[in-house]
Amino acid sequence: MDGNVKKMGFWGEFKEKHPGIAQFIVFFIISNGVTVLQMILMPLIKYLFGFTSLVSTAFQILPVGHNLDGSVYYVFDYAAGSIAGGGGGGLAYFLAVEITLLLAQIINFFLQRNVTFKSNTSVVKAAVWYFIAWVIISIGAAALQGLYKTPIYNFCMNLMGQGAGMTVADIITMLINCVISFWVFFPIMKIIFKEKK
């Protein structure tokens, strides 16, 4: 047995003794890699969409009450106009966020399924449940974004100027989105990627 333990190395031995913790560590590493990808993609896609008329197209749907100032609170609140000009980024910002999240979640799905959880369950069934979870999490994260998006952009642009401030605000808002996804997805993945004995 000692010979086998030595052959397995530190990580193999750790996985054997602490499978749940090892799984969480791998999940954490992959999630952080995907987060870095998101922090690169989101500002890039938003920048590219900034040259289109999508910035001038409002995307404000699912009203769920009112802000403190009496204005309508939307789950998806992307008012027309550039953020630098006082708008909400419009459809361009919404698409930049959602395309980034979709690409990241596709990569995350396969890496987590095959590397972290080593799942042998049905890919189609897992993908359907993963997609449903992603939609629910995206709606929840979008609803929360209404609370922090504008103050973060205003603070960063006032502190660092429009260019650098907007880029830093893009990264901060994407990080918040990623943190929400990270903590919600781990228990969900443990269920949908459960290994068949």
N, C-alpha and C. Protein backbone atom coordinates (compact mmCIF):
# COMPACT_ATOMS: atom_id res chain seq x y z
N MET A 1 0.83 -1.21 0.00
CA MET A 1 0.00 0.00 0.00
C MET A 1 0.86 1.26 0.00
N ASP A 2 1.96 1.23 0.81
CA ASP A 2 2.84 2.39 0.87
C ASP A 2 3.46 2.69 -0.48
N GLY A 3 3.79 1.63 -1.22
CA GLY A 3 4.36 1.83 -2.56
C GLY A 3 3.38 2.50 -3.48
N ASN A 4 2.08 2.13 -3.39
CA ASN A 4 1.05 2.75 -4.21
C ASN A 4 0.87 4.21 -3.86
N VAL A 5 0.91 4.53 -2.56
CA VAL A 5 0.74 5.91 -2.12
C VAL A 5 1.88 6.76 -2.66
N LYS A 6 3.12 6.21 -2.60
CA LYS A 6 4.27 6.96 -3.10
C LYS A 6 4.15 7.19 -4.59
N LYS A 7 3.65 6.19 -5.33
CA LYS A 7 3.49 6.32 -6.78
C LYS A 7 2.43 7.36 -7.12
N MET A 8 1.39 7.48 -6.28
CA MET A 8 0.31 8.43 -6.55
C MET A 8 0.78 9.86 -6.41
N GLY A 9 1.76 10.14 -5.59
CA GLY A 9 2.22 11.50 -5.37
C GLY A 9 1.32 12.23 -4.39
N PHE A 10 1.70 13.47 -4.12
CA PHE A 10 0.96 14.26 -3.13
C PHE A 10 -0.50 14.45 -3.52
N TRP A 11 -0.74 14.87 -4.77
CA TRP A 11 -2.11 15.16 -5.20
C TRP A 11 -2.97 13.90 -5.19
N GLY A 12 -2.43 12.80 -5.69
CA GLY A 12 -3.18 11.55 -5.70
C GLY A 12 -3.54 11.10 -4.29
N GLU A 13 -2.58 11.23 -3.39
CA GLU A 13 -2.82 10.86 -2.00
C GLU A 13 -3.86 11.79 -1.36
N PHE A 14 -3.75 13.08 -1.66
CA PHE A 14 -4.70 14.06 -1.11
C PHE A 14 -6.11 13.77 -1.61
N LYS A 15 -6.24 13.48 -2.93
CA LYS A 15 -7.55 13.17 -3.51
C LYS A 15 -8.15 11.93 -2.87
N GLU A 16 -7.29 10.97 -2.59
CA GLU A 16 -7.78 9.73 -1.97
C GLU A 16 -8.31 9.99 -0.57
N LYS A 17 -7.60 10.80 0.20
CA LYS A 17 -7.98 11.07 1.59
C LYS A 17 -9.11 12.10 1.70
N HIS A 18 -9.12 13.07 0.81
CA HIS A 18 -10.08 14.19 0.88
C HIS A 18 -10.74 14.41 -0.50
N PRO A 19 -11.55 13.49 -0.97
CA PRO A 19 -12.10 13.63 -2.33
C PRO A 19 -12.97 14.88 -2.52
N GLY A 20 -13.77 15.23 -1.51
CA GLY A 20 -14.64 16.41 -1.63
C GLY A 20 -13.84 17.70 -1.70
N ILE A 21 -12.82 17.82 -0.88
CA ILE A 21 -11.98 19.03 -0.88
C ILE A 21 -11.20 19.11 -2.18
N ALA A 22 -10.65 17.98 -2.64
CA ALA A 22 -9.90 17.95 -3.90
C ALA A 22 -10.80 18.38 -5.06
N GLN A 23 -12.03 17.89 -5.06
CA GLN A 23 -12.98 18.25 -6.11
C GLN A 23 -13.26 19.75 -6.09
N PHE A 24 -13.43 20.30 -4.89
CA PHE A 24 -13.69 21.74 -4.78
C PHE A 24 -12.48 22.55 -5.26
N ILE A 25 -11.26 22.10 -4.96
CA ILE A 25 -10.05 22.81 -5.40
C ILE A 25 -9.98 22.83 -6.93
N VAL A 26 -10.23 21.70 -7.56
CA VAL A 26 -10.22 21.64 -9.03
C VAL A 26 -11.32 22.54 -9.59
N PHE A 27 -12.51 22.48 -9.00
CA PHE A 27 -13.62 23.35 -9.42
C PHE A 27 -13.19 24.82 -9.31
N PHE A 28 -12.55 25.18 -8.22
CA PHE A 28 -12.10 26.54 -7.96
C PHE A 28 -11.09 27.00 -9.02
N ILE A 29 -10.11 26.14 -9.33
CA ILE A 29 -9.08 26.48 -10.31
C ILE A 29 -9.69 26.67 -11.70
N ILE A 30 -10.54 25.74 -12.12
CA ILE A 30 -11.18 25.86 -13.43
C ILE A 30 -12.07 27.09 -13.48
N SER A 31 -12.85 27.32 -12.42
CA SER A 31 -13.73 28.50 -12.38
C SER A 31 -12.94 29.79 -12.49
N ASN A 32 -11.80 29.85 -11.83
CA ASN A 32 -10.98 31.06 -11.91
C ASN A 32 -10.38 31.25 -13.29
N GLY A 33 -10.00 30.16 -13.94
CA GLY A 33 -9.51 30.25 -15.32
C GLY A 33 -10.59 30.77 -16.25
N VAL A 34 -11.81 30.27 -16.08
CA VAL A 34 -12.94 30.73 -16.89
C VAL A 34 -13.25 32.20 -16.57
N THR A 35 -13.09 32.60 -15.31
CA THR A 35 -13.32 34.00 -14.91
C THR A 35 -12.33 34.92 -15.60
N VAL A 36 -11.07 34.52 -15.67
CA VAL A 36 -10.06 35.33 -16.37
C VAL A 36 -10.46 35.49 -17.83
N LEU A 37 -10.91 34.40 -18.45
CA LEU A 37 -11.38 34.47 -19.83
C LEU A 37 -12.53 35.47 -19.96
N GLN A 38 -13.48 35.44 -19.02
CA GLN A 38 -14.61 36.36 -19.05
C GLN A 38 -14.14 37.81 -18.91
N MET A 39 -13.15 38.04 -18.04
CA MET A 39 -12.68 39.41 -17.83
C MET A 39 -11.96 39.97 -19.07
N ILE A 40 -11.47 39.09 -19.92
CA ILE A 40 -10.86 39.53 -21.18
C ILE A 40 -11.94 39.71 -22.23
N LEU A 41 -12.85 38.74 -22.33
CA LEU A 41 -13.87 38.76 -23.40
C LEU A 41 -14.90 39.88 -23.25
N MET A 42 -15.41 40.07 -22.04
CA MET A 42 -16.53 41.00 -21.87
C MET A 42 -16.17 42.42 -22.31
N PRO A 43 -15.07 43.02 -21.82
CA PRO A 43 -14.74 44.38 -22.29
C PRO A 43 -14.46 44.41 -23.80
N LEU A 44 -13.86 43.33 -24.34
CA LEU A 44 -13.56 43.29 -25.76
C LEU A 44 -14.85 43.27 -26.59
N ILE A 45 -15.79 42.39 -26.23
CA ILE A 45 -17.06 42.30 -26.96
C ILE A 45 -17.84 43.60 -26.80
N LYS A 46 -17.85 44.16 -25.59
CA LYS A 46 -18.55 45.44 -25.35
C LYS A 46 -17.94 46.55 -26.20
N TYR A 47 -16.63 46.56 -26.30
CA TYR A 47 -15.93 47.56 -27.12
C TYR A 47 -16.34 47.43 -28.58
N LEU A 48 -16.35 46.18 -29.09
CA LEU A 48 -16.71 45.96 -30.49
C LEU A 48 -18.17 46.35 -30.75
N PHE A 49 -19.07 45.98 -29.85
CA PHE A 49 -20.48 46.36 -30.01
C PHE A 49 -20.68 47.87 -29.85
N GLY A 50 -19.72 48.54 -29.21
CA GLY A 50 -19.81 49.99 -29.03
C GLY A 50 -19.80 50.75 -30.33
N PHE A 51 -19.37 50.13 -31.41
CA PHE A 51 -19.34 50.77 -32.73
C PHE A 51 -20.63 50.53 -33.51
N THR A 52 -21.59 49.86 -32.89
CA THR A 52 -22.84 49.55 -33.57
C THR A 52 -23.99 50.39 -32.99
N SER A 53 -25.11 50.33 -33.66
CA SER A 53 -26.30 51.06 -33.18
C SER A 53 -26.95 50.35 -31.99
N LEU A 54 -26.43 49.19 -31.61
CA LEU A 54 -26.99 48.46 -30.47
C LEU A 54 -26.88 49.25 -29.18
N VAL A 55 -25.88 50.13 -29.11
CA VAL A 55 -25.71 50.97 -27.91
C VAL A 55 -26.92 51.89 -27.74
N SER A 56 -27.50 52.30 -28.83
CA SER A 56 -28.65 53.23 -28.80
C SER A 56 -29.98 52.51 -28.66
N THR A 57 -29.95 51.19 -28.59
CA THR A 57 -31.18 50.40 -28.46
C THR A 57 -31.36 49.99 -27.00
N ALA A 58 -32.39 50.49 -26.36
CA ALA A 58 -32.65 50.16 -24.95
C ALA A 58 -33.06 48.70 -24.83
N PHE A 59 -32.61 48.06 -23.76
CA PHE A 59 -33.04 46.71 -23.44
C PHE A 59 -33.41 46.71 -21.96
N GLN A 60 -34.65 47.05 -21.68
CA GLN A 60 -35.16 47.13 -20.30
C GLN A 60 -36.42 46.28 -20.22
N ILE A 61 -36.27 45.10 -19.62
CA ILE A 61 -37.41 44.18 -19.53
C ILE A 61 -37.55 43.64 -18.12
N LEU A 62 -38.70 43.07 -17.85
CA LEU A 62 -39.07 42.47 -16.56
C LEU A 62 -39.05 43.49 -15.41
N PRO A 63 -39.98 44.44 -15.44
CA PRO A 63 -40.05 45.39 -14.32
C PRO A 63 -40.51 44.68 -13.05
N VAL A 64 -39.81 44.95 -11.93
CA VAL A 64 -40.14 44.27 -10.68
C VAL A 64 -40.25 45.24 -9.51
N GLY A 65 -40.67 46.44 -9.76
CA GLY A 65 -40.80 47.41 -8.68
C GLY A 65 -40.19 48.74 -9.06
N HIS A 66 -39.78 49.49 -8.04
CA HIS A 66 -39.23 50.82 -8.28
C HIS A 66 -37.93 51.04 -7.50
N ASN A 67 -37.06 51.85 -8.07
CA ASN A 67 -35.85 52.29 -7.39
C ASN A 67 -36.22 53.32 -6.34
N LEU A 68 -35.25 53.71 -5.51
CA LEU A 68 -35.50 54.71 -4.47
C LEU A 68 -35.94 56.05 -5.06
N ASP A 69 -35.47 56.34 -6.28
CA ASP A 69 -35.86 57.62 -6.91
C ASP A 69 -37.22 57.55 -7.62
N GLY A 70 -37.89 56.40 -7.53
CA GLY A 70 -39.21 56.26 -8.13
C GLY A 70 -39.20 55.67 -9.54
N SER A 71 -38.04 55.58 -10.17
CA SER A 71 -37.96 55.00 -11.51
C SER A 71 -38.19 53.49 -11.44
N VAL A 72 -38.56 52.92 -12.57
CA VAL A 72 -38.87 51.49 -12.64
C VAL A 72 -37.58 50.67 -12.50
N TYR A 73 -37.63 49.61 -11.69
CA TYR A 73 -36.50 48.71 -11.52
C TYR A 73 -36.73 47.50 -12.43
N TYR A 74 -35.84 47.34 -13.41
CA TYR A 74 -35.93 46.22 -14.35
C TYR A 74 -34.92 45.15 -13.98
N VAL A 75 -35.30 43.87 -14.17
CA VAL A 75 -34.35 42.78 -13.97
C VAL A 75 -33.20 42.95 -14.97
N PHE A 76 -33.54 43.18 -16.23
CA PHE A 76 -32.54 43.49 -17.25
C PHE A 76 -32.68 44.96 -17.58
N ASP A 77 -31.75 45.76 -17.06
CA ASP A 77 -31.87 47.22 -17.18
C ASP A 77 -30.67 47.79 -17.93
N TYR A 78 -30.80 47.85 -19.24
CA TYR A 78 -29.75 48.37 -20.10
C TYR A 78 -30.35 49.52 -20.93
N ALA A 79 -30.40 50.69 -20.31
CA ALA A 79 -30.98 51.87 -20.98
C ALA A 79 -30.13 52.22 -22.21
N ALA A 80 -30.75 52.87 -23.17
CA ALA A 80 -30.06 53.28 -24.39
C ALA A 80 -28.97 54.30 -24.06
N GLY A 81 -27.93 54.29 -24.86
CA GLY A 81 -26.84 55.25 -24.71
C GLY A 81 -25.62 54.63 -24.04
N SER A 82 -24.47 55.22 -24.33
CA SER A 82 -23.22 54.70 -23.75
C SER A 82 -23.19 54.97 -22.25
N ILE A 83 -22.49 54.14 -21.53
CA ILE A 83 -22.36 54.32 -20.09
C ILE A 83 -21.62 55.61 -19.80
N ALA A 84 -20.60 55.91 -20.61
CA ALA A 84 -19.83 57.15 -20.43
C ALA A 84 -20.72 58.38 -20.60
N GLY A 85 -21.75 58.25 -21.42
CA GLY A 85 -22.68 59.36 -21.65
C GLY A 85 -23.87 59.35 -20.71
N GLY A 86 -23.86 58.48 -19.70
CA GLY A 86 -24.94 58.45 -18.73
C GLY A 86 -26.01 57.41 -19.02
N GLY A 87 -25.86 56.65 -20.10
CA GLY A 87 -26.82 55.60 -20.44
C GLY A 87 -26.48 54.30 -19.75
N GLY A 88 -27.14 53.25 -20.16
CA GLY A 88 -26.91 51.93 -19.54
C GLY A 88 -26.17 50.97 -20.44
N GLY A 89 -25.70 51.44 -21.58
CA GLY A 89 -24.97 50.57 -22.51
C GLY A 89 -25.85 49.92 -23.56
N GLY A 90 -27.17 49.99 -23.34
CA GLY A 90 -28.12 49.46 -24.32
C GLY A 90 -27.96 47.97 -24.58
N LEU A 91 -28.52 47.57 -25.70
CA LEU A 91 -28.49 46.17 -26.10
C LEU A 91 -27.05 45.69 -26.30
N ALA A 92 -26.14 46.60 -26.63
CA ALA A 92 -24.73 46.25 -26.81
C ALA A 92 -24.15 45.69 -25.52
N TYR A 93 -24.42 46.35 -24.41
CA TYR A 93 -23.88 45.91 -23.11
C TYR A 93 -24.51 44.58 -22.72
N PHE A 94 -25.84 44.47 -22.88
CA PHE A 94 -26.53 43.22 -22.55
C PHE A 94 -25.93 42.05 -23.33
N LEU A 95 -25.78 42.22 -24.65
CA LEU A 95 -25.25 41.14 -25.48
C LEU A 95 -23.80 40.81 -25.11
N ALA A 96 -23.01 41.84 -24.80
CA ALA A 96 -21.62 41.60 -24.39
C ALA A 96 -21.57 40.72 -23.15
N VAL A 97 -22.41 41.03 -22.18
CA VAL A 97 -22.45 40.25 -20.94
C VAL A 97 -22.93 38.83 -21.22
N GLU A 98 -24.04 38.70 -21.92
CA GLU A 98 -24.63 37.38 -22.12
C GLU A 98 -23.82 36.49 -23.05
N ILE A 99 -23.22 37.06 -24.12
CA ILE A 99 -22.38 36.26 -25.01
C ILE A 99 -21.15 35.77 -24.24
N THR A 100 -20.56 36.66 -23.44
CA THR A 100 -19.41 36.27 -22.62
C THR A 100 -19.78 35.15 -21.67
N LEU A 101 -20.91 35.31 -20.98
CA LEU A 101 -21.34 34.27 -20.03
C LEU A 101 -21.64 32.96 -20.73
N LEU A 102 -22.28 33.02 -21.88
CA LEU A 102 -22.61 31.80 -22.61
C LEU A 102 -21.35 31.05 -23.04
N LEU A 103 -20.39 31.77 -23.63
CA LEU A 103 -19.14 31.12 -24.05
C LEU A 103 -18.40 30.53 -22.85
N ALA A 104 -18.34 31.29 -21.78
CA ALA A 104 -17.65 30.82 -20.57
C ALA A 104 -18.34 29.59 -19.99
N GLN A 105 -19.67 29.58 -20.00
CA GLN A 105 -20.39 28.45 -19.41
C GLN A 105 -20.29 27.20 -20.27
N ILE A 106 -20.18 27.36 -21.58
CA ILE A 106 -19.98 26.19 -22.44
C ILE A 106 -18.63 25.54 -22.13
N ILE A 107 -17.59 26.37 -22.05
CA ILE A 107 -16.26 25.87 -21.70
C ILE A 107 -16.28 25.26 -20.31
N ASN A 108 -16.89 25.98 -19.36
CA ASN A 108 -16.97 25.53 -17.97
C ASN A 108 -17.69 24.18 -17.87
N PHE A 109 -18.79 24.04 -18.61
CA PHE A 109 -19.57 22.80 -18.57
C PHE A 109 -18.70 21.59 -18.88
N PHE A 110 -17.98 21.64 -19.99
CA PHE A 110 -17.18 20.49 -20.39
C PHE A 110 -15.98 20.26 -19.48
N LEU A 111 -15.31 21.33 -19.07
CA LEU A 111 -14.17 21.16 -18.16
C LEU A 111 -14.62 20.60 -16.81
N GLN A 112 -15.67 21.18 -16.26
CA GLN A 112 -16.14 20.71 -14.95
C GLN A 112 -16.64 19.27 -15.05
N ARG A 113 -17.38 18.97 -16.09
CA ARG A 113 -17.94 17.62 -16.25
C ARG A 113 -16.84 16.58 -16.38
N ASN A 114 -15.85 16.87 -17.24
CA ASN A 114 -14.83 15.88 -17.55
C ASN A 114 -13.64 15.87 -16.60
N VAL A 115 -13.27 17.03 -16.07
CA VAL A 115 -12.06 17.12 -15.24
C VAL A 115 -12.42 17.08 -13.75
N THR A 116 -13.31 17.99 -13.32
CA THR A 116 -13.61 18.08 -11.89
C THR A 116 -14.43 16.90 -11.40
N PHE A 117 -15.54 16.65 -12.06
CA PHE A 117 -16.48 15.64 -11.57
C PHE A 117 -16.34 14.28 -12.25
N LYS A 118 -15.57 14.23 -13.34
CA LYS A 118 -15.35 12.98 -14.08
C LYS A 118 -16.66 12.22 -14.27
N SER A 119 -17.64 12.96 -14.75
CA SER A 119 -19.00 12.44 -14.83
C SER A 119 -19.16 11.47 -16.00
N ASN A 120 -19.93 10.42 -15.76
CA ASN A 120 -20.26 9.47 -16.83
C ASN A 120 -21.77 9.45 -17.08
N THR A 121 -22.45 10.50 -16.62
CA THR A 121 -23.90 10.60 -16.86
C THR A 121 -24.15 11.12 -18.27
N SER A 122 -25.38 11.13 -18.68
CA SER A 122 -25.77 11.59 -20.01
C SER A 122 -25.37 13.05 -20.22
N VAL A 123 -24.62 13.31 -21.28
CA VAL A 123 -24.19 14.68 -21.59
C VAL A 123 -25.42 15.55 -21.88
N VAL A 124 -26.36 15.02 -22.65
CA VAL A 124 -27.54 15.79 -23.03
C VAL A 124 -28.37 16.16 -21.80
N LYS A 125 -28.63 15.19 -20.95
CA LYS A 125 -29.42 15.44 -19.74
C LYS A 125 -28.72 16.47 -18.85
N ALA A 126 -27.42 16.29 -18.66
CA ALA A 126 -26.65 17.24 -17.83
C ALA A 126 -26.66 18.63 -18.47
N ALA A 127 -26.52 18.70 -19.79
CA ALA A 127 -26.50 19.99 -20.49
C ALA A 127 -27.84 20.72 -20.33
N VAL A 128 -28.93 19.98 -20.40
CA VAL A 128 -30.25 20.59 -20.24
C VAL A 128 -30.39 21.19 -18.83
N TRP A 129 -30.03 20.40 -17.82
CA TRP A 129 -30.11 20.91 -16.44
C TRP A 129 -29.15 22.06 -16.20
N TYR A 130 -27.98 21.97 -16.78
CA TYR A 130 -26.97 23.04 -16.65
C TYR A 130 -27.51 24.33 -17.29
N PHE A 131 -28.12 24.20 -18.47
CA PHE A 131 -28.68 25.36 -19.17
C PHE A 131 -29.80 26.00 -18.35
N ILE A 132 -30.68 25.18 -17.79
CA ILE A 132 -31.77 25.71 -16.95
C ILE A 132 -31.18 26.46 -15.76
N ALA A 133 -30.18 25.86 -15.12
CA ALA A 133 -29.53 26.53 -13.97
C ALA A 133 -28.88 27.83 -14.40
N TRP A 134 -28.22 27.83 -15.57
CA TRP A 134 -27.56 29.04 -16.07
C TRP A 134 -28.57 30.15 -16.32
N VAL A 135 -29.72 29.82 -16.91
CA VAL A 135 -30.74 30.84 -17.17
C VAL A 135 -31.25 31.43 -15.85
N ILE A 136 -31.54 30.59 -14.88
CA ILE A 136 -32.03 31.06 -13.58
C ILE A 136 -30.98 31.93 -12.89
N ILE A 137 -29.73 31.47 -12.89
CA ILE A 137 -28.65 32.23 -12.27
C ILE A 137 -28.44 33.55 -12.99
N SER A 138 -28.53 33.55 -14.32
CA SER A 138 -28.35 34.78 -15.11
C SER A 138 -29.43 35.80 -14.78
N ILE A 139 -30.66 35.34 -14.62
CA ILE A 139 -31.75 36.26 -14.28
C ILE A 139 -31.53 36.84 -12.88
N GLY A 140 -31.15 35.98 -11.94
CA GLY A 140 -30.88 36.46 -10.58
C GLY A 140 -29.71 37.43 -10.54
N ALA A 141 -28.63 37.10 -11.25
CA ALA A 141 -27.46 37.98 -11.28
C ALA A 141 -27.78 39.31 -11.96
N ALA A 142 -28.61 39.27 -13.00
CA ALA A 142 -29.01 40.50 -13.69
C ALA A 142 -29.84 41.38 -12.77
N ALA A 143 -30.73 40.77 -12.00
CA ALA A 143 -31.55 41.54 -11.07
C ALA A 143 -30.67 42.20 -10.02
N LEU A 144 -29.66 41.50 -9.53
CA LEU A 144 -28.74 42.09 -8.55
C LEU A 144 -27.86 43.17 -9.17
N GLN A 145 -27.54 43.01 -10.46
CA GLN A 145 -26.68 44.00 -11.14
C GLN A 145 -27.28 45.40 -11.12
N GLY A 146 -28.59 45.47 -11.10
CA GLY A 146 -29.25 46.78 -11.03
C GLY A 146 -28.88 47.55 -9.76
N LEU A 147 -28.46 46.82 -8.73
CA LEU A 147 -28.08 47.48 -7.47
C LEU A 147 -26.67 48.04 -7.49
N TYR A 148 -25.77 47.39 -8.21
CA TYR A 148 -24.36 47.79 -8.12
C TYR A 148 -23.74 48.34 -9.40
N LYS A 149 -24.34 48.11 -10.56
CA LYS A 149 -23.71 48.49 -11.83
C LYS A 149 -23.46 50.00 -11.92
N THR A 150 -24.48 50.81 -11.78
CA THR A 150 -24.33 52.26 -11.93
C THR A 150 -23.38 52.86 -10.91
N PRO A 151 -23.51 52.54 -9.61
CA PRO A 151 -22.55 53.11 -8.65
C PRO A 151 -21.10 52.73 -8.94
N ILE A 152 -20.86 51.49 -9.37
CA ILE A 152 -19.49 51.06 -9.66
C ILE A 152 -18.94 51.82 -10.86
N TYR A 153 -19.73 51.93 -11.93
CA TYR A 153 -19.25 52.66 -13.11
C TYR A 153 -19.02 54.13 -12.78
N ASN A 154 -19.95 54.75 -12.06
CA ASN A 154 -19.77 56.16 -11.70
C ASN A 154 -18.52 56.36 -10.86
N PHE A 155 -18.33 55.51 -9.86
CA PHE A 155 -17.17 55.63 -8.97
C PHE A 155 -15.86 55.47 -9.75
N CYS A 156 -15.77 54.41 -10.54
CA CYS A 156 -14.54 54.13 -11.28
C CYS A 156 -14.23 55.21 -12.32
N MET A 157 -15.27 55.67 -13.05
CA MET A 157 -15.03 56.69 -14.08
C MET A 157 -14.68 58.04 -13.45
N ASN A 158 -15.27 58.36 -12.29
CA ASN A 158 -14.91 59.60 -11.60
C ASN A 158 -13.49 59.52 -11.04
N LEU A 159 -13.08 58.35 -10.59
CA LEU A 159 -11.77 58.17 -9.99
C LEU A 159 -10.65 58.08 -11.03
N MET A 160 -10.90 57.35 -12.13
CA MET A 160 -9.83 57.04 -13.09
C MET A 160 -10.04 57.61 -14.49
N GLY A 161 -11.12 58.33 -14.70
CA GLY A 161 -11.43 58.82 -16.05
C GLY A 161 -12.27 57.79 -16.78
N GLN A 162 -12.81 58.22 -17.92
CA GLN A 162 -13.76 57.36 -18.63
C GLN A 162 -13.15 56.07 -19.16
N GLY A 163 -12.01 56.15 -19.82
CA GLY A 163 -11.42 54.96 -20.44
C GLY A 163 -11.03 53.90 -19.43
N ALA A 164 -10.09 54.25 -18.55
CA ALA A 164 -9.60 53.28 -17.55
C ALA A 164 -10.70 52.92 -16.56
N GLY A 165 -11.49 53.91 -16.16
CA GLY A 165 -12.56 53.68 -15.19
C GLY A 165 -13.59 52.70 -15.72
N MET A 166 -13.94 52.83 -17.01
CA MET A 166 -14.93 51.93 -17.58
C MET A 166 -14.38 50.51 -17.67
N THR A 167 -13.10 50.38 -18.04
CA THR A 167 -12.50 49.04 -18.12
C THR A 167 -12.46 48.38 -16.75
N VAL A 168 -12.06 49.13 -15.73
CA VAL A 168 -12.01 48.58 -14.37
C VAL A 168 -13.41 48.22 -13.90
N ALA A 169 -14.40 49.08 -14.20
CA ALA A 169 -15.79 48.79 -13.83
C ALA A 169 -16.31 47.55 -14.55
N ASP A 170 -15.93 47.37 -15.83
CA ASP A 170 -16.30 46.16 -16.57
C ASP A 170 -15.78 44.93 -15.84
N ILE A 171 -14.53 44.98 -15.41
CA ILE A 171 -13.91 43.85 -14.74
C ILE A 171 -14.57 43.58 -13.39
N ILE A 172 -14.84 44.64 -12.64
CA ILE A 172 -15.47 44.48 -11.32
C ILE A 172 -16.87 43.88 -11.45
N THR A 173 -17.66 44.40 -12.38
CA THR A 173 -19.03 43.87 -12.54
C THR A 173 -19.00 42.42 -13.02
N MET A 174 -18.05 42.09 -13.91
CA MET A 174 -17.94 40.71 -14.37
C MET A 174 -17.48 39.80 -13.23
N LEU A 175 -16.57 40.30 -12.38
CA LEU A 175 -16.12 39.51 -11.22
C LEU A 175 -17.28 39.21 -10.27
N ILE A 176 -18.11 40.22 -10.01
CA ILE A 176 -19.26 40.01 -9.12
C ILE A 176 -20.18 38.95 -9.71
N ASN A 177 -20.41 39.04 -11.02
CA ASN A 177 -21.24 38.05 -11.71
C ASN A 177 -20.63 36.65 -11.58
N CYS A 178 -19.31 36.56 -11.73
CA CYS A 178 -18.62 35.28 -11.64
C CYS A 178 -18.69 34.70 -10.23
N VAL A 179 -18.54 35.54 -9.23
CA VAL A 179 -18.60 35.07 -7.84
C VAL A 179 -19.97 34.50 -7.53
N ILE A 180 -21.01 35.20 -7.99
CA ILE A 180 -22.38 34.70 -7.78
C ILE A 180 -22.52 33.33 -8.44
N SER A 181 -22.08 33.21 -9.70
CA SER A 181 -22.18 31.94 -10.42
C SER A 181 -21.38 30.85 -9.73
N PHE A 182 -20.18 31.20 -9.27
CA PHE A 182 -19.29 30.23 -8.63
C PHE A 182 -19.97 29.56 -7.45
N TRP A 183 -20.51 30.35 -6.53
CA TRP A 183 -21.08 29.79 -5.31
C TRP A 183 -22.40 29.07 -5.54
N VAL A 184 -23.12 29.44 -6.59
CA VAL A 184 -24.39 28.77 -6.86
C VAL A 184 -24.18 27.50 -7.68
N PHE A 185 -23.22 27.53 -8.61
CA PHE A 185 -23.03 26.40 -9.51
C PHE A 185 -22.41 25.17 -8.85
N PHE A 186 -21.53 25.33 -7.87
CA PHE A 186 -20.85 24.15 -7.32
C PHE A 186 -21.84 23.10 -6.80
N PRO A 187 -22.78 23.46 -5.92
CA PRO A 187 -23.73 22.42 -5.46
C PRO A 187 -24.62 21.89 -6.59
N ILE A 188 -24.94 22.74 -7.56
CA ILE A 188 -25.76 22.28 -8.69
C ILE A 188 -24.98 21.26 -9.52
N MET A 189 -23.70 21.54 -9.75
CA MET A 189 -22.89 20.61 -10.55
C MET A 189 -22.69 19.28 -9.83
N LYS A 190 -22.60 19.31 -8.52
CA LYS A 190 -22.45 18.05 -7.78
C LYS A 190 -23.66 17.15 -8.02
N ILE A 191 -24.82 17.77 -8.26
CA ILE A 191 -26.03 16.99 -8.52
C ILE A 191 -26.09 16.52 -9.99
N ILE A 192 -25.90 17.47 -10.93
CA ILE A 192 -26.10 17.09 -12.34
C ILE A 192 -24.93 16.27 -12.91
N PHE A 193 -23.76 16.37 -12.28
CA PHE A 193 -22.61 15.59 -12.74
C PHE A 193 -22.33 14.38 -11.84
N LYS A 194 -23.34 13.97 -11.10
CA LYS A 194 -23.15 12.83 -10.20
C LYS A 194 -22.72 11.61 -11.02
N GLU A 195 -21.68 10.95 -10.53
CA GLU A 195 -21.15 9.79 -11.24
C GLU A 195 -22.00 8.56 -10.99
N LYS A 196 -22.30 7.86 -12.07
CA LYS A 196 -23.04 6.60 -11.94
C LYS A 196 -22.06 5.52 -11.49
N LYS A 197 -22.46 4.76 -10.50
CA LYS A 197 -21.59 3.68 -10.00
C LYS A 197 -21.61 2.52 -10.97
